[in-house]
Each structure stands twice: as structure tokens, then as C-alpha cells.
Amino acid sequence: GRLSDLGGPLALDGTLRVTPEPGFVLDGSVAPRSTASAELVRQLQMLGAPDAQGRRSFSIANIF
């Protein structure tokens, strides 16, 4: 499924896939909006360098 961005301090785009294990994989990108706190912007740095649009990629996988 596609993630829907409903506003807030982060611009989010991504997909969620259910896996056979059973589990899930969440892939996407995130960027701070002008309303994001300095602390939140600092925490996003752990995802690595942003692309030209200021987005950082992420991927989370887990099993139930």
C-alpha cells in the first residue's frame, strides 16, 4: 500500500508491503517541513545525506 501524507512537520512518501514471514517492509523518503523543530531536523541526519530535493530515504523491515 501507499502511505498518505496528511501534513505535520515531516513530508513523507512511501510504500508498505506485507511479507510471507509474516512481516512487513516499509520503504520511503522523508523531509522536514518548515514547521519541523530543530531537534527533529537534527534527528533526521541519522538517515544520511539528503538528495537534491532535501529528502532522505529510509527502509524498515520486521516480522510479527
PDB file of N, CA and C in Angstrom:
ATOM      1  N   GLY A   1       0.811  -1.170   0.000  1.00  0.00           N
ATOM      2  CA  GLY A   1       0.000   0.000   0.000  1.00  0.00           C
ATOM      3  C   GLY A   1       0.865   1.249   0.000  1.00  0.00           C
ATOM      4  N   ARG A   2       0.302   2.350  -0.397  1.00  0.00           N
ATOM      5  CA  ARG A   2       0.969   3.646  -0.404  1.00  0.00           C
ATOM      6  C   ARG A   2       0.677   4.371   0.897  1.00  0.00           C
ATOM      7  N   LEU A   3       1.688   5.050   1.415  1.00  0.00           N
ATOM      8  CA  LEU A   3       1.500   5.895   2.588  1.00  0.00           C
ATOM      9  C   LEU A   3       0.903   7.219   2.144  1.00  0.00           C
ATOM     10  N   SER A   4      -0.013   7.743   2.926  1.00  0.00           N
ATOM     11  CA  SER A   4      -0.628   9.040   2.633  1.00  0.00           C
ATOM     12  C   SER A   4      -0.114  10.073   3.619  1.00  0.00           C
ATOM     13  N   ASP A   5       0.448  11.138   3.100  1.00  0.00           N
ATOM     14  CA  ASP A   5       0.943  12.238   3.920  1.00  0.00           C
ATOM     15  C   ASP A   5      -0.228  13.142   4.261  1.00  0.00           C
ATOM     16  N   LEU A   6      -0.494  13.296   5.553  1.00  0.00           N
ATOM     17  CA  LEU A   6      -1.620  14.113   5.997  1.00  0.00           C
ATOM     18  C   LEU A   6      -1.175  15.442   6.598  1.00  0.00           C
ATOM     19  N   GLY A   7       0.079  15.799   6.371  1.00  0.00           N
ATOM     20  CA  GLY A   7       0.591  17.054   6.921  1.00  0.00           C
ATOM     21  C   GLY A   7       1.479  16.789   8.121  1.00  0.00           C
ATOM     22  N   GLY A   8       1.747  17.815   8.889  1.00  0.00           N
ATOM     23  CA  GLY A   8       2.609  17.693  10.045  1.00  0.00           C
ATOM     24  C   GLY A   8       4.006  18.187   9.737  1.00  0.00           C
ATOM     25  N   PRO A   9       4.947  17.968  10.652  1.00  0.00           N
ATOM     26  CA  PRO A   9       6.291  18.524  10.489  1.00  0.00           C
ATOM     27  C   PRO A   9       7.160  17.807   9.459  1.00  0.00           C
ATOM     28  N   LEU A  10       6.730  16.616   8.990  1.00  0.00           N
ATOM     29  CA  LEU A  10       7.525  15.860   8.019  1.00  0.00           C
ATOM     30  C   LEU A  10       6.735  15.599   6.748  1.00  0.00           C
ATOM     31  N   ALA A  11       7.374  15.769   5.602  1.00  0.00           N
ATOM     32  CA  ALA A  11       6.806  15.358   4.321  1.00  0.00           C
ATOM     33  C   ALA A  11       7.224  13.907   4.112  1.00  0.00           C
ATOM     34  N   LEU A  12       6.264  13.023   3.936  1.00  0.00           N
ATOM     35  CA  LEU A  12       6.527  11.591   3.879  1.00  0.00           C
ATOM     36  C   LEU A  12       5.949  10.997   2.608  1.00  0.00           C
ATOM     37  N   ASP A  13       6.702  10.085   2.004  1.00  0.00           N
ATOM     38  CA  ASP A  13       6.248   9.345   0.832  1.00  0.00           C
ATOM     39  C   ASP A  13       6.791   7.936   0.984  1.00  0.00           C
ATOM     40  N   GLY A  14       5.951   6.920   0.750  1.00  0.00           N
ATOM     41  CA  GLY A  14       6.469   5.570   0.887  1.00  0.00           C
ATOM     42  C   GLY A  14       5.459   4.498   0.563  1.00  0.00           C
ATOM     43  N   THR A  15       5.913   3.260   0.694  1.00  0.00           N
ATOM     44  CA  THR A  15       5.077   2.091   0.464  1.00  0.00           C
ATOM     45  C   THR A  15       5.262   1.102   1.613  1.00  0.00           C
ATOM     46  N   LEU A  16       4.207   0.364   1.884  1.00  0.00           N
ATOM     47  CA  LEU A  16       4.220  -0.676   2.904  1.00  0.00           C
ATOM     48  C   LEU A  16       3.854  -1.986   2.232  1.00  0.00           C
ATOM     49  N   ARG A  17       4.736  -2.994   2.380  1.00  0.00           N
ATOM     50  CA  ARG A  17       4.483  -4.322   1.810  1.00  0.00           C
ATOM     51  C   ARG A  17       4.423  -5.341   2.937  1.00  0.00           C
ATOM     52  N   VAL A  18       3.441  -6.220   2.886  1.00  0.00           N
ATOM     53  CA  VAL A  18       3.356  -7.347   3.812  1.00  0.00           C
ATOM     54  C   VAL A  18       4.158  -8.485   3.193  1.00  0.00           C
ATOM     55  N   THR A  19       4.968  -9.154   4.014  1.00  0.00           N
ATOM     56  CA  THR A  19       5.835 -10.231   3.529  1.00  0.00           C
ATOM     57  C   THR A  19       5.334 -11.583   4.028  1.00  0.00           C
ATOM     58  N   PRO A  20       5.767 -12.683   3.403  1.00  0.00           N
ATOM     59  CA  PRO A  20       5.285 -14.017   3.765  1.00  0.00           C
ATOM     60  C   PRO A  20       5.745 -14.527   5.132  1.00  0.00           C
ATOM     61  N   GLU A  21       6.684 -13.898   5.798  1.00  0.00           N
ATOM     62  CA  GLU A  21       7.284 -14.436   7.030  1.00  0.00           C
ATOM     63  C   GLU A  21       6.326 -14.731   8.169  1.00  0.00           C
ATOM     64  N   PRO A  22       5.311 -14.087   8.610  1.00  0.00           N
ATOM     65  CA  PRO A  22       4.706 -12.833   8.171  1.00  0.00           C
ATOM     66  C   PRO A  22       5.450 -11.628   8.749  1.00  0.00           C
ATOM     67  N   GLY A  23       5.457 -10.588   8.003  1.00  0.00           N
ATOM     68  CA  GLY A  23       6.116  -9.370   8.421  1.00  0.00           C
ATOM     69  C   GLY A  23       5.783  -8.233   7.477  1.00  0.00           C
ATOM     70  N   PHE A  24       6.643  -7.224   7.473  1.00  0.00           N
ATOM     71  CA  PHE A  24       6.411  -6.071   6.608  1.00  0.00           C
ATOM     72  C   PHE A  24       7.723  -5.405   6.234  1.00  0.00           C
ATOM     73  N   VAL A  25       7.677  -4.634   5.146  1.00  0.00           N
ATOM     74  CA  VAL A  25       8.783  -3.784   4.711  1.00  0.00           C
ATOM     75  C   VAL A  25       8.183  -2.416   4.423  1.00  0.00           C
ATOM     76  N   LEU A  26       8.734  -1.397   5.044  1.00  0.00           N
ATOM     77  CA  LEU A  26       8.308  -0.016   4.837  1.00  0.00           C
ATOM     78  C   LEU A  26       9.464   0.735   4.195  1.00  0.00           C
ATOM     79  N   ASP A  27       9.286   1.180   2.962  1.00  0.00           N
ATOM     80  CA  ASP A  27      10.296   1.942   2.225  1.00  0.00           C
ATOM     81  C   ASP A  27       9.733   3.315   1.934  1.00  0.00           C
ATOM     82  N   GLY A  28      10.588   4.327   2.035  1.00  0.00           N
ATOM     83  CA  GLY A  28      10.093   5.654   1.719  1.00  0.00           C
ATOM     84  C   GLY A  28      11.160   6.717   1.793  1.00  0.00           C
ATOM     85  N   SER A  29      10.677   7.948   1.774  1.00  0.00           N
ATOM     86  CA  SER A  29      11.553   9.096   1.929  1.00  0.00           C
ATOM     87  C   SER A  29      10.851  10.117   2.815  1.00  0.00           C
ATOM     88  N   VAL A  30      11.653  10.923   3.466  1.00  0.00           N
ATOM     89  CA  VAL A  30      11.131  11.895   4.421  1.00  0.00           C
ATOM     90  C   VAL A  30      11.955  13.175   4.325  1.00  0.00           C
ATOM     91  N   ALA A  31      11.275  14.298   4.528  1.00  0.00           N
ATOM     92  CA  ALA A  31      11.947  15.595   4.535  1.00  0.00           C
ATOM     93  C   ALA A  31      11.255  16.479   5.565  1.00  0.00           C
ATOM     94  N   PRO A  32      12.005  17.306   6.251  1.00  0.00           N
ATOM     95  CA  PRO A  32      11.376  18.215   7.218  1.00  0.00           C
ATOM     96  C   PRO A  32      10.643  19.350   6.510  1.00  0.00           C
ATOM     97  N   ARG A  33       9.521  19.723   7.060  1.00  0.00           N
ATOM     98  CA  ARG A  33       8.815  20.919   6.598  1.00  0.00           C
ATOM     99  C   ARG A  33       9.292  22.104   7.433  1.00  0.00           C
ATOM    100  N   SER A  34       8.882  23.283   7.060  1.00  0.00           N
ATOM    101  CA  SER A  34       9.314  24.490   7.773  1.00  0.00           C
ATOM    102  C   SER A  34       8.848  24.488   9.228  1.00  0.00           C
ATOM    103  N   THR A  35       7.824  23.687   9.549  1.00  0.00           N
ATOM    104  CA  THR A  35       7.306  23.616  10.921  1.00  0.00           C
ATOM    105  C   THR A  35       8.068  22.621  11.797  1.00  0.00           C
ATOM    106  N   ALA A  36       9.007  21.878  11.217  1.00  0.00           N
ATOM    107  CA  ALA A  36       9.767  20.874  11.985  1.00  0.00           C
ATOM    108  C   ALA A  36      10.693  21.569  12.983  1.00  0.00           C
ATOM    109  N   SER A  37      10.754  21.001  14.171  1.00  0.00           N
ATOM    110  CA  SER A  37      11.641  21.553  15.196  1.00  0.00           C
ATOM    111  C   SER A  37      13.099  21.296  14.828  1.00  0.00           C
ATOM    112  N   ALA A  38      13.983  22.088  15.396  1.00  0.00           N
ATOM    113  CA  ALA A  38      15.418  21.906  15.159  1.00  0.00           C
ATOM    114  C   ALA A  38      15.851  20.510  15.609  1.00  0.00           C
ATOM    115  N   GLU A  39      15.286  20.007  16.692  1.00  0.00           N
ATOM    116  CA  GLU A  39      15.624  18.667  17.190  1.00  0.00           C
ATOM    117  C   GLU A  39      15.213  17.592  16.182  1.00  0.00           C
ATOM    118  N   LEU A  40      14.031  17.713  15.608  1.00  0.00           N
ATOM    119  CA  LEU A  40      13.569  16.737  14.624  1.00  0.00           C
ATOM    120  C   LEU A  40      14.452  16.777  13.378  1.00  0.00           C
ATOM    121  N   VAL A  41      14.801  17.956  12.910  1.00  0.00           N
ATOM    122  CA  VAL A  41      15.694  18.097  11.755  1.00  0.00           C
ATOM    123  C   VAL A  41      17.031  17.442  12.061  1.00  0.00           C
ATOM    124  N   ARG A  42      17.544  17.634  13.256  1.00  0.00           N
ATOM    125  CA  ARG A  42      18.819  17.031  13.676  1.00  0.00           C
ATOM    126  C   ARG A  42      18.708  15.499  13.700  1.00  0.00           C
ATOM    127  N   GLN A  43      17.590  14.980  14.189  1.00  0.00           N
ATOM    128  CA  GLN A  43      17.406  13.527  14.249  1.00  0.00           C
ATOM    129  C   GLN A  43      17.333  12.899  12.863  1.00  0.00           C
ATOM    130  N   LEU A  44      16.819  13.613  11.874  1.00  0.00           N
ATOM    131  CA  LEU A  44      16.757  13.080  10.512  1.00  0.00           C
ATOM    132  C   LEU A  44      18.142  12.859   9.914  1.00  0.00           C
ATOM    133  N   GLN A  45      19.145  13.523  10.442  1.00  0.00           N
ATOM    134  CA  GLN A  45      20.502  13.380   9.922  1.00  0.00           C
ATOM    135  C   GLN A  45      21.014  11.946  10.042  1.00  0.00           C
ATOM    136  N   MET A  46      20.447  11.160  10.971  1.00  0.00           N
ATOM    137  CA  MET A  46      20.895   9.769  11.120  1.00  0.00           C
ATOM    138  C   MET A  46      20.542   8.931   9.894  1.00  0.00           C
ATOM    139  N   LEU A  47      19.648   9.437   9.024  1.00  0.00           N
ATOM    140  CA  LEU A  47      19.281   8.727   7.808  1.00  0.00           C
ATOM    141  C   LEU A  47      20.259   8.967   6.670  1.00  0.00           C
ATOM    142  N   GLY A  48      21.232   9.828   6.883  1.00  0.00           N
ATOM    143  CA  GLY A  48      22.228  10.103   5.845  1.00  0.00           C
ATOM    144  C   GLY A  48      21.979  11.435   5.175  1.00  0.00           C
ATOM    145  N   ALA A  49      22.739  11.672   4.134  1.00  0.00           N
ATOM    146  CA  ALA A  49      22.660  12.946   3.413  1.00  0.00           C
ATOM    147  C   ALA A  49      21.363  13.023   2.598  1.00  0.00           C
ATOM    148  N   PRO A  50      20.766  14.195   2.525  1.00  0.00           N
ATOM    149  CA  PRO A  50      19.545  14.352   1.720  1.00  0.00           C
ATOM    150  C   PRO A  50      19.864  14.411   0.227  1.00  0.00           C
ATOM    151  N   ASP A  51      18.856  14.103  -0.584  1.00  0.00           N
ATOM    152  CA  ASP A  51      19.010  14.239  -2.033  1.00  0.00           C
ATOM    153  C   ASP A  51      18.817  15.709  -2.423  1.00  0.00           C
ATOM    154  N   ALA A  52      18.770  15.984  -3.709  1.00  0.00           N
ATOM    155  CA  ALA A  52      18.658  17.364  -4.199  1.00  0.00           C
ATOM    156  C   ALA A  52      17.362  18.043  -3.752  1.00  0.00           C
ATOM    157  N   GLN A  53      16.310  17.266  -3.465  1.00  0.00           N
ATOM    158  CA  GLN A  53      15.039  17.822  -3.007  1.00  0.00           C
ATOM    159  C   GLN A  53      14.949  17.895  -1.483  1.00  0.00           C
ATOM    160  N   GLY A  54      16.026  17.523  -0.784  1.00  0.00           N
ATOM    161  CA  GLY A  54      16.037  17.569   0.677  1.00  0.00           C
ATOM    162  C   GLY A  54      15.433  16.351   1.346  1.00  0.00           C
ATOM    163  N   ARG A  55      15.164  15.293   0.579  1.00  0.00           N
ATOM    164  CA  ARG A  55      14.566  14.072   1.135  1.00  0.00           C
ATOM    165  C   ARG A  55      15.638  13.061   1.514  1.00  0.00           C
ATOM    166  N   ARG A  56      15.350  12.319   2.551  1.00  0.00           N
ATOM    167  CA  ARG A  56      16.233  11.236   2.989  1.00  0.00           C
ATOM    168  C   ARG A  56      15.466   9.922   2.862  1.00  0.00           C
ATOM    169  N   SER A  57      16.102   8.909   2.316  1.00  0.00           N
ATOM    170  CA  SER A  57      15.480   7.594   2.147  1.00  0.00           C
ATOM    171  C   SER A  57      15.570   6.795   3.435  1.00  0.00           C
ATOM    172  N   PHE A  58      14.580   5.917   3.635  1.00  0.00           N
ATOM    173  CA  PHE A  58      14.601   5.001   4.766  1.00  0.00           C
ATOM    174  C   PHE A  58      13.939   3.687   4.364  1.00  0.00           C
ATOM    175  N   SER A  59      14.279   2.637   5.103  1.00  0.00           N
ATOM    176  CA  SER A  59      13.667   1.333   4.911  1.00  0.00           C
ATOM    177  C   SER A  59      13.634   0.629   6.264  1.00  0.00           C
ATOM    178  N   ILE A  60      12.470   0.127   6.617  1.00  0.00           N
ATOM    179  CA  ILE A  60      12.271  -0.594   7.892  1.00  0.00           C
ATOM    180  C   ILE A  60      11.629  -1.922   7.564  1.00  0.00           C
ATOM    181  N   ALA A  61      12.189  -3.000   8.086  1.00  0.00           N
ATOM    182  CA  ALA A  61      11.607  -4.327   7.893  1.00  0.00           C
ATOM    183  C   ALA A  61      11.517  -5.014   9.255  1.00  0.00           C
ATOM    184  N   ASN A  62      10.468  -5.828   9.441  1.00  0.00           N
ATOM    185  CA  ASN A  62      10.293  -6.544  10.695  1.00  0.00           C
ATOM    186  C   ASN A  62       9.378  -7.742  10.448  1.00  0.00           C
ATOM    187  N   ILE A  63       9.394  -8.672  11.381  1.00  0.00           N
ATOM    188  CA  ILE A  63       8.475  -9.805  11.333  1.00  0.00           C
ATOM    189  C   ILE A  63       7.598  -9.751  12.563  1.00  0.00           C
ATOM    190  N   PHE A  64       6.412 -10.368  12.458  1.00  0.00           N
ATOM    191  CA  PHE A  64       5.461 -10.376  13.570  1.00  0.00           C
ATOM    192  C   PHE A  64       5.741 -11.518  14.504  1.00  0.00           C
TER     193      PHE A  64
END
